[in-house]
Amino acid sequence: MVDRLALTGSVNFIGTAEARLTPEEGALALAARAPHPDLHPHVFLPDDTRLWPRCSR
């Protein structure tokens, strides 16, 4: 779910096609995924805004 007003989101991830996962296993599985190749900042997004997510990790 994405709340565009509060700028928050959540995912209800319960497992893979093969098995259900514990919350800890799910966190590891999601962390191991690579971002989708089409995911990128909007071309008009200012450079300083693009850097913020990388600096906050």
PDB file of N, CA and C in Angstrom:
ATOM      1  N   MET A   1       0.839  -1.163   0.000  1.00  0.00           N
ATOM      2  CA  MET A   1       0.000   0.000   0.000  1.00  0.00           C
ATOM      3  C   MET A   1       0.889   1.232   0.000  1.00  0.00           C
ATOM      4  N   VAL A   2       0.511   2.250  -0.737  1.00  0.00           N
ATOM      5  CA  VAL A   2       1.268   3.495  -0.804  1.00  0.00           C
ATOM      6  C   VAL A   2       0.358   4.642  -0.397  1.00  0.00           C
ATOM      7  N   ASP A   3       0.816   5.426   0.558  1.00  0.00           N
ATOM      8  CA  ASP A   3       0.109   6.630   0.980  1.00  0.00           C
ATOM      9  C   ASP A   3       0.847   7.816   0.373  1.00  0.00           C
ATOM     10  N   ARG A   4       0.297   8.383  -0.684  1.00  0.00           N
ATOM     11  CA  ARG A   4       0.966   9.473  -1.388  1.00  0.00           C
ATOM     12  C   ARG A   4       0.994  10.755  -0.578  1.00  0.00           C
ATOM     13  N   LEU A   5       0.087  10.924   0.373  1.00  0.00           N
ATOM     14  CA  LEU A   5       0.082  12.131   1.193  1.00  0.00           C
ATOM     15  C   LEU A   5       1.130  12.071   2.291  1.00  0.00           C
ATOM     16  N   ALA A   6       1.255  10.924   2.943  1.00  0.00           N
ATOM     17  CA  ALA A   6       2.234  10.765   4.019  1.00  0.00           C
ATOM     18  C   ALA A   6       3.594  10.312   3.493  1.00  0.00           C
ATOM     19  N   LEU A   7       3.654   9.989   2.196  1.00  0.00           N
ATOM     20  CA  LEU A   7       4.888   9.502   1.564  1.00  0.00           C
ATOM     21  C   LEU A   7       5.432   8.266   2.268  1.00  0.00           C
ATOM     22  N   THR A   8       4.530   7.301   2.519  1.00  0.00           N
ATOM     23  CA  THR A   8       4.910   6.036   3.135  1.00  0.00           C
ATOM     24  C   THR A   8       4.358   4.888   2.297  1.00  0.00           C
ATOM     25  N   GLY A   9       4.909   3.717   2.509  1.00  0.00           N
ATOM     26  CA  GLY A   9       4.421   2.545   1.801  1.00  0.00           C
ATOM     27  C   GLY A   9       4.725   1.291   2.584  1.00  0.00           C
ATOM     28  N   SER A  10       4.025   0.209   2.264  1.00  0.00           N
ATOM     29  CA  SER A  10       4.263  -1.065   2.933  1.00  0.00           C
ATOM     30  C   SER A  10       3.979  -2.201   1.956  1.00  0.00           C
ATOM     31  N   VAL A  11       4.570  -3.358   2.253  1.00  0.00           N
ATOM     32  CA  VAL A  11       4.401  -4.550   1.428  1.00  0.00           C
ATOM     33  C   VAL A  11       4.013  -5.701   2.338  1.00  0.00           C
ATOM     34  N   ASN A  12       2.982  -6.443   1.973  1.00  0.00           N
ATOM     35  CA  ASN A  12       2.606  -7.653   2.698  1.00  0.00           C
ATOM     36  C   ASN A  12       3.232  -8.839   1.977  1.00  0.00           C
ATOM     37  N   PHE A  13       4.462  -9.163   2.337  1.00  0.00           N
ATOM     38  CA  PHE A  13       5.224 -10.233   1.695  1.00  0.00           C
ATOM     39  C   PHE A  13       5.184 -11.441   2.611  1.00  0.00           C
ATOM     40  N   ILE A  14       4.554 -12.529   2.157  1.00  0.00           N
ATOM     41  CA  ILE A  14       4.420 -13.703   3.026  1.00  0.00           C
ATOM     42  C   ILE A  14       5.287 -14.869   2.593  1.00  0.00           C
ATOM     43  N   GLY A  15       5.905 -14.782   1.420  1.00  0.00           N
ATOM     44  CA  GLY A  15       6.764 -15.877   0.996  1.00  0.00           C
ATOM     45  C   GLY A  15       6.992 -15.891  -0.495  1.00  0.00           C
ATOM     46  N   THR A  16       7.484 -17.018  -0.945  1.00  0.00           N
ATOM     47  CA  THR A  16       7.769 -17.216  -2.362  1.00  0.00           C
ATOM     48  C   THR A  16       6.798 -18.250  -2.913  1.00  0.00           C
ATOM     49  N   ALA A  17       6.936 -18.562  -4.187  1.00  0.00           N
ATOM     50  CA  ALA A  17       6.081 -19.590  -4.791  1.00  0.00           C
ATOM     51  C   ALA A  17       6.348 -20.956  -4.177  1.00  0.00           C
ATOM     52  N   GLU A  18       7.549 -21.138  -3.638  1.00  0.00           N
ATOM     53  CA  GLU A  18       7.922 -22.434  -3.071  1.00  0.00           C
ATOM     54  C   GLU A  18       7.516 -22.598  -1.606  1.00  0.00           C
ATOM     55  N   ALA A  19       7.556 -21.532  -0.827  1.00  0.00           N
ATOM     56  CA  ALA A  19       7.310 -21.687   0.615  1.00  0.00           C
ATOM     57  C   ALA A  19       6.971 -20.358   1.273  1.00  0.00           C
ATOM     58  N   ARG A  20       6.257 -20.455   2.395  1.00  0.00           N
ATOM     59  CA  ARG A  20       6.037 -19.285   3.242  1.00  0.00           C
ATOM     60  C   ARG A  20       7.331 -18.986   3.979  1.00  0.00           C
ATOM     61  N   LEU A  21       7.541 -17.718   4.304  1.00  0.00           N
ATOM     62  CA  LEU A  21       8.759 -17.307   4.989  1.00  0.00           C
ATOM     63  C   LEU A  21       8.424 -16.617   6.300  1.00  0.00           C
ATOM     64  N   THR A  22       9.326 -16.735   7.259  1.00  0.00           N
ATOM     65  CA  THR A  22       9.184 -15.974   8.500  1.00  0.00           C
ATOM     66  C   THR A  22       9.477 -14.510   8.176  1.00  0.00           C
ATOM     67  N   PRO A  23       9.100 -13.589   9.046  1.00  0.00           N
ATOM     68  CA  PRO A  23       9.440 -12.180   8.793  1.00  0.00           C
ATOM     69  C   PRO A  23      10.939 -11.963   8.584  1.00  0.00           C
ATOM     70  N   GLU A  24      11.760 -12.673   9.340  1.00  0.00           N
ATOM     71  CA  GLU A  24      13.209 -12.524   9.196  1.00  0.00           C
ATOM     72  C   GLU A  24      13.683 -13.042   7.836  1.00  0.00           C
ATOM     73  N   GLU A  25      13.173 -14.210   7.432  1.00  0.00           N
ATOM     74  CA  GLU A  25      13.530 -14.777   6.129  1.00  0.00           C
ATOM     75  C   GLU A  25      13.029 -13.880   4.995  1.00  0.00           C
ATOM     76  N   GLY A  26      11.838 -13.329   5.165  1.00  0.00           N
ATOM     77  CA  GLY A  26      11.286 -12.420   4.164  1.00  0.00           C
ATOM     78  C   GLY A  26      12.129 -11.170   4.013  1.00  0.00           C
ATOM     79  N   ALA A  27      12.596 -10.624   5.136  1.00  0.00           N
ATOM     80  CA  ALA A  27      13.458  -9.438   5.083  1.00  0.00           C
ATOM     81  C   ALA A  27      14.744  -9.741   4.327  1.00  0.00           C
ATOM     82  N   LEU A  28      15.316 -10.912   4.569  1.00  0.00           N
ATOM     83  CA  LEU A  28      16.537 -11.300   3.855  1.00  0.00           C
ATOM     84  C   LEU A  28      16.267 -11.491   2.361  1.00  0.00           C
ATOM     85  N   ALA A  29      15.140 -12.120   2.030  1.00  0.00           N
ATOM     86  CA  ALA A  29      14.798 -12.348   0.623  1.00  0.00           C
ATOM     87  C   ALA A  29      14.592 -11.023  -0.109  1.00  0.00           C
ATOM     88  N   LEU A  30      13.899 -10.080   0.526  1.00  0.00           N
ATOM     89  CA  LEU A  30      13.674  -8.779  -0.109  1.00  0.00           C
ATOM     90  C   LEU A  30      14.969  -7.990  -0.237  1.00  0.00           C
ATOM     91  N   ALA A  31      15.830  -8.060   0.774  1.00  0.00           N
ATOM     92  CA  ALA A  31      17.107  -7.333   0.736  1.00  0.00           C
ATOM     93  C   ALA A  31      18.021  -7.876  -0.357  1.00  0.00           C
ATOM     94  N   ALA A  32      17.874  -9.155  -0.696  1.00  0.00           N
ATOM     95  CA  ALA A  32      18.730  -9.773  -1.712  1.00  0.00           C
ATOM     96  C   ALA A  32      18.276  -9.456  -3.136  1.00  0.00           C
ATOM     97  N   ARG A  33      17.065  -8.959  -3.299  1.00  0.00           N
ATOM     98  CA  ARG A  33      16.548  -8.662  -4.634  1.00  0.00           C
ATOM     99  C   ARG A  33      17.226  -7.419  -5.211  1.00  0.00           C
ATOM    100  N   ALA A  34      17.502  -7.462  -6.494  1.00  0.00           N
ATOM    101  CA  ALA A  34      18.020  -6.283  -7.196  1.00  0.00           C
ATOM    102  C   ALA A  34      16.839  -5.403  -7.609  1.00  0.00           C
ATOM    103  N   PRO A  35      17.041  -4.091  -7.671  1.00  0.00           N
ATOM    104  CA  PRO A  35      15.958  -3.221  -8.148  1.00  0.00           C
ATOM    105  C   PRO A  35      15.600  -3.546  -9.599  1.00  0.00           C
ATOM    106  N   HIS A  36      14.372  -3.277  -9.971  1.00  0.00           N
ATOM    107  CA  HIS A  36      13.928  -3.482 -11.346  1.00  0.00           C
ATOM    108  C   HIS A  36      14.775  -2.599 -12.266  1.00  0.00           C
ATOM    109  N   PRO A  37      15.192  -3.103 -13.428  1.00  0.00           N
ATOM    110  CA  PRO A  37      16.062  -2.317 -14.310  1.00  0.00           C
ATOM    111  C   PRO A  37      15.433  -1.019 -14.816  1.00  0.00           C
ATOM    112  N   ASP A  38      14.113  -0.935 -14.829  1.00  0.00           N
ATOM    113  CA  ASP A  38      13.451   0.292 -15.280  1.00  0.00           C
ATOM    114  C   ASP A  38      13.271   1.316 -14.163  1.00  0.00           C
ATOM    115  N   LEU A  39      13.678   0.983 -12.943  1.00  0.00           N
ATOM    116  CA  LEU A  39      13.523   1.897 -11.816  1.00  0.00           C
ATOM    117  C   LEU A  39      14.632   2.945 -11.859  1.00  0.00           C
ATOM    118  N   HIS A  40      14.244   4.211 -11.943  1.00  0.00           N
ATOM    119  CA  HIS A  40      15.225   5.299 -11.980  1.00  0.00           C
ATOM    120  C   HIS A  40      14.539   6.596 -11.579  1.00  0.00           C
ATOM    121  N   PRO A  41      15.318   7.599 -11.143  1.00  0.00           N
ATOM    122  CA  PRO A  41      14.713   8.880 -10.781  1.00  0.00           C
ATOM    123  C   PRO A  41      14.118   9.559 -12.014  1.00  0.00           C
ATOM    124  N   HIS A  42      13.107  10.361 -11.784  1.00  0.00           N
ATOM    125  CA  HIS A  42      12.521  11.141 -12.866  1.00  0.00           C
ATOM    126  C   HIS A  42      13.583  12.085 -13.416  1.00  0.00           C
ATOM    127  N   VAL A  43      13.575  12.320 -14.714  1.00  0.00           N
ATOM    128  CA  VAL A  43      14.617  13.134 -15.346  1.00  0.00           C
ATOM    129  C   VAL A  43      14.624  14.573 -14.843  1.00  0.00           C
ATOM    130  N   PHE A  44      13.501  15.086 -14.349  1.00  0.00           N
ATOM    131  CA  PHE A  44      13.440  16.464 -13.865  1.00  0.00           C
ATOM    132  C   PHE A  44      13.734  16.589 -12.374  1.00  0.00           C
ATOM    133  N   LEU A  45      14.021  15.474 -11.700  1.00  0.00           N
ATOM    134  CA  LEU A  45      14.314  15.507 -10.270  1.00  0.00           C
ATOM    135  C   LEU A  45      15.669  16.177 -10.047  1.00  0.00           C
ATOM    136  N   PRO A  46      15.747  17.190  -9.152  1.00  0.00           N
ATOM    137  CA  PRO A  46      17.028  17.874  -8.926  1.00  0.00           C
ATOM    138  C   PRO A  46      18.096  16.921  -8.398  1.00  0.00           C
ATOM    139  N   ASP A  47      19.353  17.201  -8.735  1.00  0.00           N
ATOM    140  CA  ASP A  47      20.463  16.335  -8.341  1.00  0.00           C
ATOM    141  C   ASP A  47      20.552  16.144  -6.833  1.00  0.00           C
ATOM    142  N   ASP A  48      20.350  17.216  -6.037  1.00  0.00           N
ATOM    143  CA  ASP A  48      20.470  17.068  -4.583  1.00  0.00           C
ATOM    144  C   ASP A  48      19.384  16.158  -4.022  1.00  0.00           C
ATOM    145  N   THR A  49      18.226  16.117  -4.649  1.00  0.00           N
ATOM    146  CA  THR A  49      17.156  15.224  -4.210  1.00  0.00           C
ATOM    147  C   THR A  49      17.481  13.784  -4.580  1.00  0.00           C
ATOM    148  N   ARG A  50      18.140  13.575  -5.694  1.00  0.00           N
ATOM    149  CA  ARG A  50      18.527  12.222  -6.107  1.00  0.00           C
ATOM    150  C   ARG A  50      19.526  11.624  -5.131  1.00  0.00           C
ATOM    151  N   LEU A  51      20.393  12.441  -4.554  1.00  0.00           N
ATOM    152  CA  LEU A  51      21.420  11.947  -3.641  1.00  0.00           C
ATOM    153  C   LEU A  51      20.864  11.583  -2.275  1.00  0.00           C
ATOM    154  N   TRP A  52      19.770  12.207  -1.844  1.00  0.00           N
ATOM    155  CA  TRP A  52      19.262  12.018  -0.490  1.00  0.00           C
ATOM    156  C   TRP A  52      19.004  10.553  -0.140  1.00  0.00           C
ATOM    157  N   PRO A  53      18.303   9.753  -0.961  1.00  0.00           N
ATOM    158  CA  PRO A  53      18.073   8.346  -0.579  1.00  0.00           C
ATOM    159  C   PRO A  53      19.373   7.555  -0.447  1.00  0.00           C
ATOM    160  N   ARG A  54      20.356   7.858  -1.264  1.00  0.00           N
ATOM    161  CA  ARG A  54      21.627   7.136  -1.186  1.00  0.00           C
ATOM    162  C   ARG A  54      22.381   7.492   0.086  1.00  0.00           C
ATOM    163  N   CYS A  55      22.275   8.733   0.518  1.00  0.00           N
ATOM    164  CA  CYS A  55      22.984   9.172   1.728  1.00  0.00           C
ATOM    165  C   CYS A  55      22.293   8.689   2.998  1.00  0.00           C
ATOM    166  N   SER A  56      21.002   8.402   2.920  1.00  0.00           N
ATOM    167  CA  SER A  56      20.253   8.030   4.123  1.00  0.00           C
ATOM    168  C   SER A  56      20.273   6.534   4.397  1.00  0.00           C
ATOM    169  N   ARG A  57      20.949   5.752   3.588  1.00  0.00           N
ATOM    170  CA  ARG A  57      21.000   4.295   3.794  1.00  0.00           C
ATOM    171  C   ARG A  57      21.853   3.951   4.978  1.00  0.00           C
TER     172      ARG A  57
END
